[in-house]
Amino acid sequence: MTRRLLIGTRKGTFIVENDGGRWKPRLAGHAGGGVNYVARDPYTGRLWALLGFGHWGAKLSISDDDGATWADAAAQIMYPEGAKYLGQTMFEDPSSDFGVTWSTSLRKATVQKLWVIGFGPGGRVHVGTIPGGLFTSTDGGASFALDMGLWNDPSRGGDLSGATEATGLETKWFGTPASESGEFAPGLHSISVDPRDPARMLVAVSTAGVIETRDGGESWAPRNRGMRLDHTPEPEADWGHDTHFIDRCDGEPDCVWQQNHTGIYYSRDNAMSWEKVGAPEQDVSFGFAIAADDADGRVAWVVPGRSDMQRMAIDGALFVA
């Protein structure tokens, strides 16, 4: 049986296969282009790639022949006219306990990055973006709409469509510098649909935390109990957690794994509570990627965020790359 990995890189989309011997990579498309995420829709078999080009911007790309050919998706992600968000700018402030201060401004929402894609039955396709919007299709990707329940959630400042300035407004969603331009803005990077109930879904945002809907996106609630922000005045706050990625065990859907800025967390109750399970003494703490086992909810794989200053060439030899 051939095992296959789909990998999005800054050099294109790759498929890595193993038929019992060594893993063999091959370019599957988008040569030389930035691919933020690539995944197969388990309900249709279609491949989706989330592209990010410095010049051309963000784009959805699809393949219906297992990566042999690709085409632009019929519907692309666009924020509706009047969509706004509260963004922060950091600057040095010697008088602050942290040495920095944040200023908040009201900004027009445009797609700064397509970051993650998730799928559900009945033609449901979900796309997470920077600056934090979740877009959903119910027709297999023929059209997408911004999830207004999440976009207008009070944690984001509520409905900002009629606002003209940030004075008096407050957001509990902070930012990440992961956009194509480097702008500091909230980013929705994880989507996990409950296989038992497609109306129940977890998403994760940098920097806000894990958020859940149980009614198909009409309403949302934070799911950050057990996580800690030890570097802040409110270490057990409901919001402000820098989740890097979450992944659910398909065979045991109540088991959810999380790679967080502050370590690795595990939930046995569908993200209602979290337990810190990292092992810093083994360098298993900080990182970005995490993958739950498909069958055993107790098993996950992580990639520690070690500094590459400790990497050496083969036999310590010098070489030119």
Protein backbone atom coordinates (compact mmCIF):
# COMPACT_ATOMS: atom_id res chain seq x y z
CA MET A 1 0.00 0.00 0.00
CA THR A 2 1.40 3.37 -1.03
CA ARG A 3 1.47 6.01 1.69
CA ARG A 4 1.19 9.58 0.52
CA LEU A 5 1.79 13.02 2.01
CA LEU A 6 0.60 16.31 0.54
CA ILE A 7 2.98 19.14 1.39
CA GLY A 8 2.67 22.85 0.71
CA THR A 9 5.97 24.75 0.55
CA ARG A 10 7.33 28.09 -0.60
CA LYS A 11 8.57 26.27 -3.71
CA GLY A 12 5.29 24.66 -4.74
CA THR A 13 3.02 21.71 -3.96
CA PHE A 14 4.76 18.39 -3.41
CA ILE A 15 3.51 14.82 -3.09
CA VAL A 16 5.77 12.50 -1.11
CA GLU A 17 5.10 8.78 -1.53
CA ASN A 18 6.30 5.59 0.14
CA ASP A 19 5.49 2.17 -1.32
CA GLY A 20 7.46 0.21 1.26
CA GLY A 21 10.88 1.64 0.56
CA ARG A 22 12.15 5.19 0.83
CA TRP A 23 10.00 8.30 0.74
CA LYS A 24 10.13 9.87 -2.73
CA PRO A 25 9.08 13.49 -3.29
CA ARG A 26 7.79 14.88 -6.56
CA LEU A 27 6.57 18.30 -7.56
CA ALA A 28 2.81 18.24 -8.10
CA GLY A 29 2.20 21.85 -9.10
CA HIS A 30 2.69 25.58 -8.49
CA ALA A 31 6.45 25.40 -9.16
CA GLY A 32 8.29 28.23 -7.44
CA GLY A 33 5.12 29.54 -5.83
CA GLY A 34 4.18 29.84 -2.19
CA VAL A 35 1.67 27.22 -1.03
CA ASN A 36 0.41 27.89 2.49
CA TYR A 37 -1.68 24.73 2.79
CA VAL A 38 -2.72 21.79 0.62
CA ALA A 39 -5.35 19.16 1.45
CA ARG A 40 -7.68 16.62 -0.11
CA ASP A 41 -11.42 16.89 0.40
CA PRO A 42 -12.22 13.45 1.85
CA TYR A 43 -15.78 13.65 0.53
CA THR A 44 -14.97 14.40 -3.12
CA GLY A 45 -11.27 13.59 -3.60
CA ARG A 46 -10.55 17.09 -4.92
CA LEU A 47 -7.20 18.63 -3.99
CA TRP A 48 -7.18 22.21 -2.73
CA ALA A 49 -4.08 24.41 -2.52
CA LEU A 50 -4.02 27.78 -0.76
CA LEU A 51 -1.58 29.97 -2.66
CA GLY A 52 0.21 33.09 -1.47
CA PHE A 53 2.13 35.14 -3.99
CA GLY A 54 3.85 38.37 -3.03
CA HIS A 55 2.87 39.94 -6.36
CA TRP A 56 -0.42 38.24 -7.27
CA GLY A 57 -1.82 37.84 -3.76
CA ALA A 58 -3.89 34.99 -2.33
CA LYS A 59 -5.64 32.42 -4.49
CA LEU A 60 -7.46 29.08 -4.25
CA SER A 61 -6.26 26.38 -6.65
CA ILE A 62 -7.93 23.01 -7.28
CA SER A 63 -7.08 19.69 -8.91
CA ASP A 64 -9.53 16.93 -9.82
CA ASP A 65 -6.89 14.57 -11.27
CA ASP A 66 -4.72 13.96 -8.21
CA GLY A 67 -2.38 16.88 -8.87
CA ALA A 68 -1.65 16.22 -12.55
CA THR A 69 -3.23 19.56 -13.50
CA TRP A 70 -4.40 22.55 -11.48
CA ALA A 71 -6.85 25.38 -12.11
CA ASP A 72 -7.97 28.47 -10.26
CA ALA A 73 -11.07 27.77 -8.19
CA ALA A 74 -14.26 29.20 -9.67
CA ALA A 75 -14.90 31.20 -6.52
CA GLN A 76 -12.13 33.09 -4.76
CA ILE A 77 -12.11 34.41 -1.20
CA MET A 78 -13.03 38.08 -0.84
CA TYR A 79 -14.14 40.09 2.16
CA PRO A 80 -17.49 41.82 1.67
CA GLU A 81 -17.63 45.56 1.21
CA GLY A 82 -17.55 47.34 4.57
CA ALA A 83 -15.88 44.50 6.50
CA LYS A 84 -13.51 45.92 9.13
CA TYR A 85 -11.38 44.70 11.99
CA LEU A 86 -9.39 46.11 14.89
CA GLY A 87 -5.66 45.77 14.34
CA GLN A 88 -2.75 46.52 16.63
CA THR A 89 0.59 48.19 16.10
CA MET A 90 3.39 47.58 18.61
CA PHE A 91 5.92 50.25 19.53
CA GLU A 92 8.59 50.66 22.20
CA ASP A 93 7.51 52.21 25.48
CA PRO A 94 10.13 52.35 28.28
CA SER A 95 7.43 53.29 30.80
CA SER A 96 5.56 50.02 30.22
CA ASP A 97 6.23 46.95 32.38
CA PHE A 98 6.79 45.00 29.14
CA GLY A 99 8.80 47.67 27.33
CA VAL A 100 6.21 47.94 24.56
CA THR A 101 2.75 49.41 24.07
CA TRP A 102 0.04 48.65 21.55
CA SER A 103 -2.09 51.09 19.62
CA THR A 104 -5.39 49.94 18.09
CA SER A 105 -6.75 51.10 14.76
CA LEU A 106 -9.80 50.33 12.64
CA ARG A 107 -8.77 48.69 9.37
CA LYS A 108 -10.45 47.64 6.15
CA ALA A 109 -10.51 43.86 5.81
CA THR A 110 -8.74 42.38 2.80
CA VAL A 111 -7.34 38.88 2.34
CA GLN A 112 -3.76 38.96 3.60
CA LYS A 113 -3.36 35.19 3.64
CA LEU A 114 -5.30 32.01 2.95
CA TRP A 115 -4.03 29.87 5.81
CA VAL A 116 -6.05 26.68 6.26
CA ILE A 117 -8.87 24.69 4.69
CA GLY A 118 -11.26 22.17 6.23
CA PHE A 119 -14.13 20.05 4.95
CA GLY A 120 -17.52 18.74 5.99
CA PRO A 121 -20.26 16.65 4.39
CA GLY A 122 -22.76 18.04 1.93
CA GLY A 123 -20.31 20.21 0.00
CA ARG A 124 -19.05 22.16 3.00
CA VAL A 125 -15.64 23.77 2.55
CA HIS A 126 -14.18 26.11 5.19
CA VAL A 127 -11.23 28.49 4.67
CA GLY A 128 -9.37 30.38 7.40
CA THR A 129 -7.65 33.66 6.65
CA ILE A 130 -5.62 36.55 7.94
CA PRO A 131 -7.10 38.90 9.26
CA GLY A 132 -9.15 36.25 11.05
CA GLY A 133 -12.21 35.64 8.90
CA LEU A 134 -13.71 32.18 8.36
CA PHE A 135 -15.26 31.63 4.94
CA THR A 136 -17.65 28.76 4.28
CA SER A 137 -19.03 27.16 1.14
CA THR A 138 -22.07 24.88 1.18
CA ASP A 139 -21.88 24.06 -2.54
CA GLY A 140 -18.47 22.42 -2.89
CA GLY A 141 -16.60 25.67 -3.42
CA ALA A 142 -18.82 27.23 -6.09
CA SER A 143 -19.32 30.17 -3.72
CA PHE A 144 -18.02 31.31 -0.33
CA ALA A 145 -19.46 33.55 2.37
CA LEU A 146 -17.86 35.14 5.42
CA ASP A 147 -19.09 33.59 8.68
CA MET A 148 -20.69 36.68 10.18
CA GLY A 149 -21.33 35.02 13.54
CA LEU A 150 -17.60 34.74 14.17
CA TRP A 151 -16.67 37.97 12.38
CA ASN A 152 -19.11 40.02 14.49
CA ASP A 153 -18.42 38.17 17.75
CA PRO A 154 -18.11 40.50 20.77
CA SER A 155 -14.58 39.19 21.36
CA ARG A 156 -13.58 40.90 18.11
CA GLY A 157 -15.34 44.15 18.98
CA GLY A 158 -18.77 43.22 17.62
CA ASP A 159 -20.24 44.49 14.37
CA LEU A 160 -17.74 47.09 13.14
CA SER A 161 -19.34 47.78 9.76
CA GLY A 162 -20.70 51.14 10.91
CA ALA A 163 -17.64 52.20 12.91
CA THR A 164 -15.45 55.05 11.67
CA GLU A 165 -12.67 54.98 14.27
CA ALA A 166 -11.25 52.69 16.96
CA THR A 167 -11.86 55.04 19.89
CA GLY A 168 -13.85 53.24 22.59
CA LEU A 169 -13.67 49.89 20.80
CA GLU A 170 -11.94 46.80 22.18
CA THR A 171 -10.82 43.49 20.72
CA LYS A 172 -9.56 40.35 22.42
CA TRP A 173 -8.11 39.07 19.16
CA PHE A 174 -4.50 40.07 18.76
CA GLY A 175 -2.14 39.41 15.91
CA THR A 176 0.47 37.34 14.16
CA PRO A 177 3.13 38.57 11.71
CA ALA A 178 2.45 35.61 9.38
CA SER A 179 0.64 37.53 6.64
CA GLU A 180 2.23 37.83 3.21
CA SER A 181 3.00 41.51 3.91
CA GLY A 182 4.11 40.97 7.50
CA GLU A 183 1.28 43.10 8.87
CA PHE A 184 0.40 42.19 12.45
CA ALA A 185 -3.19 40.88 12.25
CA PRO A 186 -5.28 38.00 13.64
CA GLY A 187 -4.91 34.73 11.75
CA LEU A 188 -7.31 31.76 11.65
CA HIS A 189 -5.01 28.80 11.00
CA SER A 190 -6.83 25.68 12.27
CA ILE A 191 -10.21 24.17 11.39
CA SER A 192 -11.51 20.93 12.89
CA VAL A 193 -15.01 19.76 12.00
CA ASP A 194 -16.50 17.21 14.41
CA PRO A 195 -17.05 14.06 12.30
CA ARG A 196 -20.13 13.23 14.39
CA ASP A 197 -21.82 16.60 13.84
CA PRO A 198 -20.79 18.97 11.02
CA ALA A 199 -22.49 21.87 12.80
CA ARG A 200 -19.94 21.53 15.60
CA MET A 201 -16.52 22.86 14.72
CA LEU A 202 -13.34 24.10 16.37
CA VAL A 203 -11.15 26.84 14.94
CA ALA A 204 -7.97 28.36 16.34
CA VAL A 205 -6.70 31.90 16.00
CA SER A 206 -3.35 33.54 16.60
CA THR A 207 -3.66 35.32 18.83
CA ALA A 208 -7.01 34.57 20.50
CA GLY A 209 -7.10 30.82 21.15
CA VAL A 210 -9.45 27.95 20.39
CA ILE A 211 -13.08 28.81 19.57
CA GLU A 212 -16.07 26.51 19.07
CA THR A 213 -19.43 26.66 17.32
CA ARG A 214 -22.20 24.12 17.90
CA ASP A 215 -24.74 25.65 15.55
CA GLY A 216 -22.96 25.82 12.22
CA GLY A 217 -21.28 29.17 12.82
CA GLU A 218 -24.19 31.20 14.16
CA SER A 219 -22.57 31.61 17.57
CA TRP A 220 -19.13 30.97 19.04
CA ALA A 221 -17.48 30.49 22.45
CA PRO A 222 -13.86 30.33 23.68
CA ARG A 223 -12.47 26.90 24.56
CA ASN A 224 -9.26 27.82 26.39
CA ARG A 225 -9.80 26.45 29.91
CA GLY A 226 -6.59 24.90 31.21
CA MET A 227 -4.28 26.95 29.02
CA ARG A 228 -2.02 29.48 30.70
CA LEU A 229 -0.53 32.82 29.76
CA ASP A 230 2.21 32.92 32.37
CA HIS A 231 3.83 35.98 30.78
CA THR A 232 0.71 38.15 31.22
CA PRO A 233 -1.12 39.72 34.17
CA GLU A 234 -4.09 37.33 33.57
CA PRO A 235 -2.56 33.86 33.06
CA GLU A 236 -5.98 32.14 32.95
CA ALA A 237 -7.74 34.64 30.68
CA ASP A 238 -10.50 33.42 28.35
CA TRP A 239 -8.83 35.08 25.37
CA GLY A 240 -5.38 36.00 24.09
CA HIS A 241 -3.87 32.51 23.80
CA ASP A 242 -1.35 31.94 21.03
CA THR A 243 -2.44 28.58 19.70
CA HIS A 244 -0.21 27.53 16.80
CA PHE A 245 -2.23 24.55 15.53
CA ILE A 246 -4.87 22.04 16.63
CA ASP A 247 -5.62 18.56 15.28
CA ARG A 248 -8.31 16.04 16.18
CA CYS A 249 -8.17 12.23 16.24
CA ASP A 250 -10.71 11.02 13.67
CA GLY A 251 -11.26 7.71 15.45
CA GLU A 252 -11.70 9.32 18.89
CA PRO A 253 -13.07 12.80 18.08
CA ASP A 254 -13.13 13.97 21.70
CA CYS A 255 -9.31 13.80 21.69
CA VAL A 256 -7.80 17.04 20.42
CA TRP A 257 -4.12 18.01 20.38
CA GLN A 258 -2.75 21.53 20.42
CA GLN A 259 0.66 23.05 19.73
CA ASN A 260 0.73 26.35 21.60
CA HIS A 261 3.34 29.07 21.95
CA THR A 262 3.63 28.06 25.61
CA GLY A 263 3.80 24.30 25.03
CA ILE A 264 1.76 21.26 24.00
CA TYR A 265 -1.79 20.72 25.26
CA TYR A 266 -4.16 17.75 25.11
CA SER A 267 -7.93 17.57 25.52
CA ARG A 268 -10.00 14.46 26.22
CA ASP A 269 -13.34 16.30 26.15
CA ASN A 270 -13.53 17.97 22.74
CA ALA A 271 -11.61 21.09 23.83
CA MET A 272 -13.82 21.85 26.82
CA SER A 273 -10.64 21.69 28.92
CA TRP A 274 -6.91 21.33 28.23
CA GLU A 275 -3.99 19.68 29.98
CA LYS A 276 -0.39 20.71 29.39
CA VAL A 277 1.56 17.60 28.36
CA GLY A 278 4.81 18.83 26.80
CA ALA A 279 8.23 17.64 27.91
CA PRO A 280 10.60 20.64 27.84
CA GLU A 281 13.46 18.50 29.15
CA GLN A 282 13.20 16.50 25.91
CA ASP A 283 12.82 19.65 23.82
CA VAL A 284 9.12 18.90 23.29
CA SER A 285 7.49 22.22 24.05
CA PHE A 286 7.60 25.14 21.63
CA GLY A 287 6.76 24.47 18.00
CA PHE A 288 4.20 25.03 15.26
CA ALA A 289 3.08 21.70 13.77
CA ILE A 290 1.20 18.86 15.44
CA ALA A 291 -0.63 15.84 13.97
CA ALA A 292 -2.99 13.55 15.86
CA ASP A 293 -3.07 9.83 15.09
CA ASP A 294 -6.10 8.85 13.00
CA ALA A 295 -7.13 6.01 15.32
CA ASP A 296 -5.53 6.41 18.76
CA GLY A 297 -6.41 9.66 20.49
CA ARG A 298 -3.49 9.28 22.89
CA VAL A 299 -0.90 9.57 20.09
CA ALA A 300 0.34 12.65 18.26
CA TRP A 301 3.44 13.76 16.38
CA VAL A 302 5.16 17.09 16.95
CA VAL A 303 8.06 18.97 15.37
CA PRO A 304 10.00 20.83 18.09
CA GLY A 305 10.88 24.41 17.21
CA ARG A 306 14.61 24.07 17.78
CA SER A 307 17.04 26.73 16.67
CA ASP A 308 18.76 25.73 13.44
CA MET A 309 22.03 27.17 14.74
CA GLN A 310 22.78 23.67 16.06
CA ARG A 311 22.44 21.99 12.66
CA MET A 312 25.62 20.79 10.95
CA ALA A 313 26.51 19.58 7.49
CA ILE A 314 27.32 15.88 6.97
CA ASP A 315 30.61 15.04 8.72
CA GLY A 316 30.88 18.69 9.75
CA ALA A 317 32.07 19.62 6.27
CA LEU A 318 31.67 23.04 4.71
CA PHE A 319 29.50 23.27 1.62
CA VAL A 320 27.84 25.80 -0.64
CA ALA A 321 24.06 25.44 -0.98
